[in-house]
Amino acid sequence: MGFAFVMPFLPFYVRELGVTDEKSVLLWSGWLTTSCGITMAIVAPIWGVLADRHGRKLMVARSMIGGMLVITAMGFVQTPQQLLALRILQGILTGTVSASLALVSSAVPERRAGFALGLMQTAIFVGGAIGPWMGGAIAQHYGYRIPFFVAGGTLLIASLLTIFAVHEEFERPTANGADSALTLRDVLGMGGFTTMVTILFFVQLSGSFLGPILPLYIERISGLPAGGAAGTAGMIFGVSAIVAAVSATVVGRLSDRLGPRRVLVTCTFLTGWILIPHGLARTIGQLLACRLGDASVGAGTIPVANAIIRRIVPSEACGKAFGLVASVSCLGWGIGPIIGSSLAKDFGMRMPFFVVGGAFMLIAVATNFLLPRSATQLHETPGPLPQLACEAAGGGEVAVPCAAIAGLSDDESRSRCASCPSRNA
């Protein structure tokens, strides 16, 4: 919520800092997003290695505290150059999502990864729904600086929650332990990992195309002044994020049941198909309908891709893996806005929607043909089967469950046995 607070009115804040030419506003907006992504891409693998060595909780707390300090400082800037410097610093100090994904992924069984990471994405989207809505409303009534201070306050709360309410069972790796032997090169060599990282790069590149354009596009379609457009942009961002929040969990659970590969291909293709009509919208209602359609299918792309990566990488290397994922994803996220804003400057604001829609369709085709099927298989070793003393299985303790519970998890097995009329122990 804190990081999303300022996104709907960032281009308007650039205007308030003295940039008046429309093309210059587009370029500054693109560079403000790009700078954060590029610096985050550079430092993310370093934070990932430190997470595996010293604990993932420490990295989450570091990113929260760093974000609190930097975003609060953005409310005091007087020039776009100062704002750009703080955005660069934000990229260096934060990386909250990748740190949290590493923390959760290291504790979640592979077979539940889609649902668990879908819940993580839901949390991100819920925050993303509340943040822009509140940020846009506050900016509309109190000016563009106050939301930065409110955002800093939310990140302070998140920092305290991380420090005092998050528990991690972390064992520091030993010098000769198996986990310490896994290097960044080893992770990159795992079957399918490089392909998934490449796919995520293009997903982030395509998805971030529209970040600096959407607020100005909303302003143009609505015909409202900048203040009113900020509130409208916050509303559209917020409602879309609510839909995405629900969709992320549903799609995550579907990926566990139907297979993440099939779900990932479907989500990326439908995202591209729905993005193209964005460029044809003539009213706010049409644009909102397009955004809701995009949110309902696009929300599943990232958590399903992360679930595939969790299946590829062992839990002890999650910090390194998601550090690399964050690095490449942030590079795509950083490059996308400057390309999108340059494209909008030269060819109009509608063109990026057509380009990014086609790009997502190509991503779907590439995923289908390039991702090894072995990469999406479960690799975890199942736990020991429950020892049963069951009349239906012939009496006495047996190592193999009876047919009534074959294939169920340990907890589900015990629940089924407890209600079995043939059970005698």
Protein backbone atom coordinates (compact mmCIF):
# COMPACT_ATOMS: atom_id res chain seq x y z
CA MET A 1 0.00 0.00 0.00
CA GLY A 2 2.80 2.40 0.90
CA PHE A 3 4.74 1.90 -2.31
CA ALA A 4 1.58 2.24 -4.45
CA PHE A 5 0.36 5.44 -2.77
CA VAL A 6 2.07 7.88 -5.13
CA MET A 7 1.82 6.12 -8.50
CA PRO A 8 -1.45 7.67 -9.79
CA PHE A 9 -0.16 11.25 -9.53
CA LEU A 10 3.59 10.90 -10.10
CA PRO A 11 3.42 12.62 -13.54
CA PHE A 12 1.39 15.46 -12.00
CA TYR A 13 3.97 15.80 -9.20
CA VAL A 14 6.62 16.23 -11.91
CA ARG A 15 4.59 19.16 -13.25
CA GLU A 16 4.45 20.71 -9.80
CA LEU A 17 8.26 20.49 -9.61
CA GLY A 18 8.53 22.78 -12.64
CA VAL A 19 8.33 20.55 -15.72
CA THR A 20 5.58 22.00 -17.92
CA ASP A 21 6.20 20.63 -21.44
CA GLU A 22 3.98 17.59 -22.03
CA LYS A 23 6.69 15.53 -23.76
CA SER A 24 9.15 16.35 -21.00
CA VAL A 25 6.63 15.21 -18.39
CA LEU A 26 6.32 11.88 -20.21
CA LEU A 27 10.10 11.43 -20.32
CA TRP A 28 10.62 12.40 -16.67
CA SER A 29 7.83 10.03 -15.61
CA GLY A 30 9.49 7.23 -17.57
CA TRP A 31 12.94 7.90 -16.13
CA LEU A 32 11.60 8.09 -12.57
CA THR A 33 10.25 4.55 -12.93
CA THR A 34 13.20 3.26 -14.95
CA SER A 35 15.84 4.51 -12.52
CA CYS A 36 14.33 2.62 -9.60
CA GLY A 37 14.03 -0.59 -11.62
CA ILE A 38 17.59 -0.50 -12.96
CA THR A 39 19.24 0.08 -9.58
CA MET A 40 17.06 -2.60 -7.99
CA ALA A 41 18.12 -4.99 -10.74
CA ILE A 42 21.79 -4.34 -9.95
CA VAL A 43 21.60 -4.92 -6.19
CA ALA A 44 18.87 -7.63 -6.00
CA PRO A 45 21.25 -10.63 -6.41
CA ILE A 46 23.43 -9.22 -3.60
CA TRP A 47 20.44 -8.99 -1.26
CA GLY A 48 19.43 -12.52 -2.34
CA VAL A 49 22.81 -14.00 -1.37
CA LEU A 50 22.69 -12.16 1.98
CA ALA A 51 19.16 -13.52 2.56
CA ASP A 52 20.39 -17.13 2.25
CA ARG A 53 23.32 -16.38 4.57
CA HIS A 54 21.69 -14.25 7.27
CA GLY A 55 17.94 -14.87 6.99
CA ARG A 56 15.10 -13.69 4.75
CA LYS A 57 13.26 -11.85 7.54
CA LEU A 58 16.23 -9.49 7.94
CA MET A 59 16.03 -8.61 4.25
CA VAL A 60 12.29 -7.90 4.44
CA ALA A 61 12.83 -5.57 7.42
CA ARG A 62 15.71 -3.84 5.63
CA SER A 63 13.59 -3.19 2.54
CA MET A 64 10.65 -1.84 4.60
CA ILE A 65 12.79 0.56 6.64
CA GLY A 66 14.67 1.74 3.56
CA GLY A 67 11.42 2.38 1.72
CA MET A 68 9.99 4.32 4.67
CA LEU A 69 12.95 6.69 4.78
CA VAL A 70 13.22 7.29 1.04
CA ILE A 71 9.52 7.77 0.27
CA THR A 72 9.07 10.16 3.20
CA ALA A 73 12.00 12.20 1.86
CA MET A 74 10.30 12.45 -1.56
CA GLY A 75 7.70 14.74 -0.01
CA PHE A 76 10.38 17.38 0.60
CA VAL A 77 12.01 17.53 -2.86
CA GLN A 78 12.09 20.81 -4.80
CA THR A 79 13.34 19.67 -8.21
CA PRO A 80 12.78 16.64 -10.47
CA GLN A 81 16.50 15.89 -10.19
CA GLN A 82 16.16 15.44 -6.41
CA LEU A 83 13.17 13.17 -6.95
CA LEU A 84 15.17 11.12 -9.46
CA ALA A 85 18.04 10.74 -6.97
CA LEU A 86 15.64 9.40 -4.33
CA ARG A 87 14.07 6.99 -6.81
CA ILE A 88 17.55 5.63 -7.53
CA LEU A 89 18.13 5.24 -3.79
CA GLN A 90 14.75 3.52 -3.44
CA GLY A 91 15.86 0.89 -5.95
CA ILE A 92 19.04 0.25 -3.98
CA LEU A 93 17.44 -0.04 -0.53
CA THR A 94 14.09 -1.73 -1.13
CA GLY A 95 13.11 -4.89 -3.04
CA THR A 96 10.33 -5.74 -0.58
CA VAL A 97 8.43 -8.13 -2.84
CA SER A 98 11.42 -10.30 -3.78
CA ALA A 99 12.55 -10.47 -0.14
CA SER A 100 9.05 -11.51 0.98
CA LEU A 101 8.77 -14.10 -1.79
CA ALA A 102 12.07 -15.65 -0.73
CA LEU A 103 10.87 -15.78 2.89
CA VAL A 104 7.55 -17.44 2.04
CA SER A 105 8.89 -19.74 -0.69
CA SER A 106 11.53 -21.22 1.60
CA ALA A 107 8.80 -22.41 3.98
CA VAL A 108 6.09 -23.56 1.53
CA PRO A 109 5.88 -27.11 0.08
CA GLU A 110 6.16 -27.25 -3.72
CA ARG A 111 2.69 -28.72 -4.14
CA ARG A 112 1.16 -25.69 -2.34
CA ALA A 113 3.41 -23.06 -3.95
CA GLY A 114 0.85 -21.82 -6.49
CA PHE A 115 -1.80 -21.16 -3.87
CA ALA A 116 0.64 -19.70 -1.31
CA LEU A 117 2.31 -17.36 -3.79
CA GLY A 118 -1.14 -16.47 -5.13
CA LEU A 119 -2.03 -15.35 -1.59
CA MET A 120 1.18 -13.31 -1.53
CA GLN A 121 0.19 -11.66 -4.79
CA THR A 122 -3.29 -11.05 -3.37
CA ALA A 123 -1.72 -9.20 -0.44
CA ILE A 124 0.28 -7.10 -2.90
CA PHE A 125 -2.82 -6.34 -4.96
CA VAL A 126 -4.93 -5.47 -1.93
CA GLY A 127 -2.27 -3.00 -0.88
CA GLY A 128 -2.11 -1.85 -4.48
CA ALA A 129 -5.87 -1.31 -4.42
CA ILE A 130 -5.98 0.75 -1.24
CA GLY A 131 -2.79 2.72 -1.86
CA PRO A 132 -3.59 4.46 -5.18
CA TRP A 133 -7.18 5.11 -4.16
CA MET A 134 -6.15 6.79 -0.90
CA GLY A 135 -3.12 8.46 -2.46
CA GLY A 136 -5.13 9.92 -5.33
CA ALA A 137 -7.86 11.16 -2.99
CA ILE A 138 -5.38 12.75 -0.58
CA ALA A 139 -3.49 14.37 -3.46
CA GLN A 140 -6.74 15.77 -4.85
CA HIS A 141 -7.71 17.41 -1.54
CA TYR A 142 -4.41 18.19 0.19
CA GLY A 143 -1.80 18.43 -2.54
CA TYR A 144 0.84 16.11 -3.92
CA ARG A 145 3.29 16.17 -1.00
CA ILE A 146 1.10 14.90 1.85
CA PRO A 147 0.64 11.38 0.36
CA PHE A 148 4.41 10.77 0.56
CA PHE A 149 4.30 11.30 4.34
CA VAL A 150 1.25 9.04 4.73
CA ALA A 151 3.00 6.38 2.61
CA GLY A 152 6.04 6.61 4.87
CA GLY A 153 3.78 6.03 7.87
CA THR A 154 2.31 2.86 6.36
CA LEU A 155 5.82 1.54 5.70
CA LEU A 156 6.76 2.30 9.30
CA ILE A 157 3.85 0.10 10.42
CA ALA A 158 4.99 -2.62 7.99
CA SER A 159 8.53 -2.38 9.38
CA LEU A 160 7.32 -2.87 12.96
CA LEU A 161 5.10 -5.79 11.94
CA THR A 162 8.04 -7.43 10.19
CA ILE A 163 10.35 -7.03 13.16
CA PHE A 164 7.94 -8.10 15.92
CA ALA A 165 5.27 -10.29 14.27
CA VAL A 166 7.13 -12.36 11.65
CA HIS A 167 8.77 -15.60 12.77
CA GLU A 168 11.36 -17.36 10.63
CA GLU A 169 12.91 -20.74 11.38
CA PHE A 170 16.25 -19.99 9.78
CA GLU A 171 19.40 -22.06 10.15
CA ARG A 172 22.56 -20.24 9.19
CA PRO A 173 24.41 -22.33 6.57
CA THR A 174 27.61 -24.05 7.64
CA ALA A 175 30.85 -23.81 5.69
CA ASN A 176 30.53 -27.36 4.35
CA GLY A 177 26.72 -27.60 4.21
CA ALA A 178 24.82 -28.51 1.07
CA ASP A 179 23.03 -25.19 0.98
CA SER A 180 26.28 -23.22 1.11
CA ALA A 181 27.51 -25.18 -1.94
CA LEU A 182 24.73 -23.78 -4.16
CA THR A 183 26.07 -20.74 -5.98
CA LEU A 184 24.34 -18.27 -8.27
CA ARG A 185 25.81 -20.18 -11.22
CA ASP A 186 24.33 -23.43 -9.88
CA VAL A 187 20.89 -21.84 -9.66
CA LEU A 188 21.15 -20.49 -13.21
CA GLY A 189 22.06 -23.98 -14.41
CA MET A 190 18.92 -25.62 -13.01
CA GLY A 191 16.66 -26.92 -15.78
CA GLY A 192 14.10 -24.35 -16.87
CA PHE A 193 15.24 -21.61 -14.50
CA THR A 194 16.91 -19.43 -17.14
CA THR A 195 13.87 -19.82 -19.41
CA MET A 196 11.52 -18.72 -16.64
CA VAL A 197 13.71 -15.75 -15.74
CA THR A 198 13.73 -14.67 -19.40
CA ILE A 199 9.96 -15.01 -19.61
CA LEU A 200 9.54 -12.93 -16.44
CA PHE A 201 11.84 -10.27 -17.88
CA PHE A 202 9.58 -9.83 -20.90
CA VAL A 203 6.43 -10.00 -18.75
CA GLN A 204 7.73 -7.16 -16.57
CA LEU A 205 9.03 -5.24 -19.59
CA SER A 206 5.65 -5.44 -21.30
CA GLY A 207 3.63 -4.80 -18.14
CA SER A 208 5.61 -1.73 -17.11
CA PHE A 209 5.19 -0.07 -20.51
CA LEU A 210 2.00 1.57 -19.33
CA GLY A 211 3.00 2.83 -15.85
CA PRO A 212 3.85 6.45 -16.70
CA ILE A 213 1.28 6.64 -19.50
CA LEU A 214 -1.94 5.57 -17.78
CA PRO A 215 -2.46 8.67 -15.55
CA LEU A 216 -1.99 11.00 -18.52
CA TYR A 217 -4.14 8.75 -20.73
CA ILE A 218 -6.90 8.87 -18.11
CA GLU A 219 -6.58 12.66 -17.97
CA ARG A 220 -6.95 12.91 -21.75
CA ILE A 221 -9.95 10.58 -22.01
CA SER A 222 -11.79 12.07 -19.02
CA GLY A 223 -11.17 15.71 -19.94
CA LEU A 224 -10.69 16.49 -16.23
CA PRO A 225 -8.00 18.83 -14.85
CA ALA A 226 -4.93 17.25 -13.26
CA GLY A 227 -6.40 17.25 -9.73
CA GLY A 228 -9.61 15.51 -10.79
CA ALA A 229 -7.72 13.13 -13.04
CA ALA A 230 -5.55 12.07 -10.08
CA GLY A 231 -8.63 10.99 -8.16
CA THR A 232 -10.05 9.18 -11.20
CA ALA A 233 -6.72 7.43 -11.82
CA GLY A 234 -6.60 6.35 -8.18
CA MET A 235 -10.12 4.94 -8.45
CA ILE A 236 -9.31 2.98 -11.62
CA PHE A 237 -6.04 1.68 -10.19
CA GLY A 238 -7.79 0.73 -6.96
CA VAL A 239 -10.77 -1.11 -8.45
CA SER A 240 -8.47 -2.96 -10.86
CA ALA A 241 -6.25 -4.02 -7.97
CA ILE A 242 -9.24 -5.38 -6.02
CA VAL A 243 -10.21 -7.56 -8.99
CA ALA A 244 -6.59 -8.64 -9.37
CA ALA A 245 -6.40 -9.51 -5.67
CA VAL A 246 -9.27 -11.98 -5.96
CA SER A 247 -7.97 -13.35 -9.25
CA ALA A 248 -4.43 -13.99 -8.00
CA THR A 249 -5.56 -16.47 -5.33
CA VAL A 250 -8.01 -18.22 -7.67
CA VAL A 251 -5.44 -18.54 -10.45
CA GLY A 252 -2.80 -19.69 -7.96
CA ARG A 253 -5.04 -22.52 -6.75
CA LEU A 254 -5.89 -23.45 -10.36
CA SER A 255 -2.18 -23.72 -11.15
CA ASP A 256 -1.77 -26.29 -8.35
CA ARG A 257 -4.65 -28.34 -9.76
CA LEU A 258 -4.27 -27.93 -13.54
CA GLY A 259 -0.53 -27.41 -13.75
CA PRO A 260 1.30 -24.07 -13.73
CA ARG A 261 2.51 -24.32 -17.33
CA ARG A 262 -0.97 -24.45 -18.84
CA VAL A 263 -2.24 -21.66 -16.58
CA LEU A 264 0.75 -19.42 -17.33
CA VAL A 265 0.31 -19.74 -21.10
CA THR A 266 -3.41 -19.01 -20.83
CA CYS A 267 -2.96 -15.98 -18.58
CA THR A 268 -0.30 -14.33 -20.73
CA PHE A 269 -2.24 -14.86 -23.96
CA LEU A 270 -5.51 -13.50 -22.55
CA THR A 271 -3.65 -10.52 -21.05
CA GLY A 272 -2.36 -9.56 -24.49
CA TRP A 273 -5.76 -10.05 -26.09
CA ILE A 274 -7.43 -7.74 -23.55
CA LEU A 275 -4.71 -5.05 -23.59
CA ILE A 276 -5.22 -4.18 -27.26
CA PRO A 277 -8.73 -2.67 -26.75
CA HIS A 278 -7.25 -0.27 -24.18
CA GLY A 279 -5.89 1.74 -27.09
CA LEU A 280 -9.39 2.01 -28.60
CA ALA A 281 -11.15 3.27 -25.45
CA ARG A 282 -12.99 6.59 -25.82
CA THR A 283 -14.57 6.94 -22.39
CA ILE A 284 -13.56 6.29 -18.79
CA GLY A 285 -16.19 3.53 -18.61
CA GLN A 286 -14.66 1.70 -21.57
CA LEU A 287 -11.17 2.06 -20.15
CA LEU A 288 -12.31 0.82 -16.73
CA ALA A 289 -13.90 -2.26 -18.33
CA CYS A 290 -10.64 -3.01 -20.14
CA ARG A 291 -8.62 -2.54 -16.95
CA LEU A 292 -10.89 -4.94 -15.04
CA GLY A 293 -10.59 -7.57 -17.76
CA ASP A 294 -6.82 -7.19 -17.77
CA ALA A 295 -6.68 -7.44 -13.96
CA SER A 296 -8.79 -10.61 -13.88
CA VAL A 297 -6.42 -12.60 -16.12
CA GLY A 298 -3.11 -10.75 -15.79
CA ALA A 299 -2.98 -11.10 -12.01
CA GLY A 300 -2.14 -14.78 -12.30
CA THR A 301 0.96 -14.38 -14.45
CA ILE A 302 3.52 -13.45 -11.80
CA PRO A 303 2.47 -15.84 -8.96
CA VAL A 304 2.21 -18.79 -11.35
CA ALA A 305 5.66 -18.00 -12.77
CA ASN A 306 7.03 -17.78 -9.23
CA ALA A 307 5.40 -21.12 -8.38
CA ILE A 308 7.19 -22.73 -11.33
CA ILE A 309 10.49 -21.28 -10.09
CA ARG A 310 9.76 -22.69 -6.61
CA ARG A 311 9.39 -26.12 -8.21
CA ILE A 312 12.71 -25.74 -9.99
CA VAL A 313 14.78 -24.43 -7.06
CA PRO A 314 15.33 -26.12 -3.65
CA SER A 315 14.12 -24.19 -0.61
CA GLU A 316 17.64 -23.52 0.71
CA ALA A 317 18.45 -21.50 -2.42
CA CYS A 318 15.24 -19.44 -2.53
CA GLY A 319 17.06 -16.23 -1.58
CA LYS A 320 19.54 -16.53 -4.44
CA ALA A 321 16.85 -17.63 -6.90
CA PHE A 322 14.40 -14.85 -6.15
CA GLY A 323 17.25 -12.35 -5.97
CA LEU A 324 18.12 -13.26 -9.57
CA VAL A 325 14.45 -13.20 -10.53
CA ALA A 326 14.09 -9.76 -8.96
CA SER A 327 17.19 -8.51 -10.76
CA VAL A 328 16.01 -9.55 -14.20
CA SER A 329 12.38 -8.60 -13.52
CA CYS A 330 13.38 -5.16 -12.26
CA LEU A 331 15.53 -4.67 -15.33
CA GLY A 332 12.45 -5.30 -17.47
CA TRP A 333 10.33 -3.15 -15.17
CA GLY A 334 12.95 -0.40 -15.40
CA ILE A 335 13.40 -0.46 -19.18
CA GLY A 336 9.70 -0.74 -19.99
CA PRO A 337 8.51 2.71 -18.82
CA ILE A 338 11.16 4.67 -20.72
CA ILE A 339 10.41 2.70 -23.90
CA GLY A 340 6.66 3.10 -23.38
CA SER A 341 6.85 6.83 -22.65
CA SER A 342 9.17 7.38 -25.65
CA LEU A 343 6.75 5.43 -27.83
CA ALA A 344 3.83 7.53 -26.53
CA LYS A 345 5.80 10.74 -27.15
CA ASP A 346 6.53 9.86 -30.78
CA PHE A 347 3.41 7.92 -31.82
CA GLY A 348 0.70 8.96 -29.36
CA MET A 349 -0.60 7.49 -26.11
CA ARG A 350 -2.66 4.76 -27.77
CA MET A 351 0.21 3.03 -29.55
CA PRO A 352 1.85 1.45 -26.44
CA PHE A 353 -1.32 -0.53 -25.70
CA PHE A 354 -1.20 -2.19 -29.13
CA VAL A 355 2.52 -2.94 -28.79
CA VAL A 356 2.27 -4.41 -25.29
CA GLY A 357 -0.80 -6.48 -26.21
CA GLY A 358 1.08 -8.12 -29.06
CA ALA A 359 4.10 -8.65 -26.82
CA PHE A 360 2.08 -10.63 -24.24
CA MET A 361 0.70 -12.89 -26.97
CA LEU A 362 4.26 -13.60 -28.13
CA ILE A 363 5.24 -14.37 -24.52
CA ALA A 364 2.47 -16.97 -24.36
CA VAL A 365 3.73 -18.69 -27.52
CA ALA A 366 7.34 -18.61 -26.30
CA THR A 367 6.34 -20.07 -22.90
CA ASN A 368 4.49 -22.92 -24.56
CA PHE A 369 7.43 -23.96 -26.76
CA LEU A 370 10.52 -23.03 -24.72
CA LEU A 371 9.68 -24.02 -21.13
CA PRO A 372 10.75 -27.66 -20.48
CA ARG A 373 7.87 -29.74 -19.22
CA SER A 374 10.15 -31.25 -16.58
CA ALA A 375 10.50 -27.80 -15.00
CA THR A 376 6.87 -27.79 -13.86
CA GLN A 377 6.93 -31.25 -12.26
CA LEU A 378 6.92 -31.68 -8.50
CA HIS A 379 10.36 -32.62 -7.19
CA GLU A 380 9.88 -32.61 -3.42
CA THR A 381 10.22 -35.89 -1.54
CA PRO A 382 6.93 -36.87 0.09
CA GLY A 383 6.91 -37.31 3.84
CA PRO A 384 6.57 -40.73 5.52
CA LEU A 385 3.24 -42.45 5.11
CA PRO A 386 1.15 -42.62 8.28
CA GLN A 387 1.37 -45.89 10.20
CA LEU A 388 -2.13 -47.36 10.36
CA ALA A 389 -3.78 -49.98 12.48
CA CYS A 390 -6.82 -50.43 10.30
CA GLU A 391 -9.29 -53.31 10.21
CA ALA A 392 -10.02 -52.56 6.55
CA ALA A 393 -6.33 -53.06 5.75
CA GLY A 394 -6.11 -56.39 7.55
CA GLY A 395 -5.38 -55.23 11.10
CA GLY A 396 -2.08 -54.36 12.70
CA GLU A 397 0.26 -51.53 11.73
CA VAL A 398 0.85 -51.22 7.98
CA ALA A 399 3.21 -48.98 6.02
CA VAL A 400 0.88 -48.66 3.03
CA PRO A 401 -2.46 -46.85 3.46
CA CYS A 402 -5.69 -48.51 2.47
CA ALA A 403 -7.38 -47.60 -0.82
CA ALA A 404 -9.69 -45.11 0.92
CA ILE A 405 -6.82 -42.72 1.62
CA ALA A 406 -4.34 -43.53 -1.17
CA GLY A 407 -2.90 -40.35 -2.62
CA LEU A 408 -4.08 -38.04 0.16
CA SER A 409 -1.79 -35.91 2.29
CA ASP A 410 -0.95 -36.96 5.86
CA ASP A 411 -3.46 -34.54 7.40
CA GLU A 412 -6.21 -35.56 4.98
CA SER A 413 -5.41 -39.23 5.62
CA ARG A 414 -5.79 -38.85 9.37
CA SER A 415 -9.06 -36.98 8.93
CA ARG A 416 -10.45 -39.70 6.65
CA CYS A 417 -9.30 -42.49 8.99
CA ALA A 418 -10.90 -40.80 12.00
CA SER A 419 -14.33 -41.09 10.37
CA CYS A 420 -13.82 -44.56 8.86
CA PRO A 421 -16.30 -47.17 10.28
CA SER A 422 -13.67 -49.94 9.87
CA ARG A 423 -11.06 -48.13 11.96
CA ASN A 424 -10.10 -49.93 15.18
CA ALA A 425 -7.07 -47.83 16.29
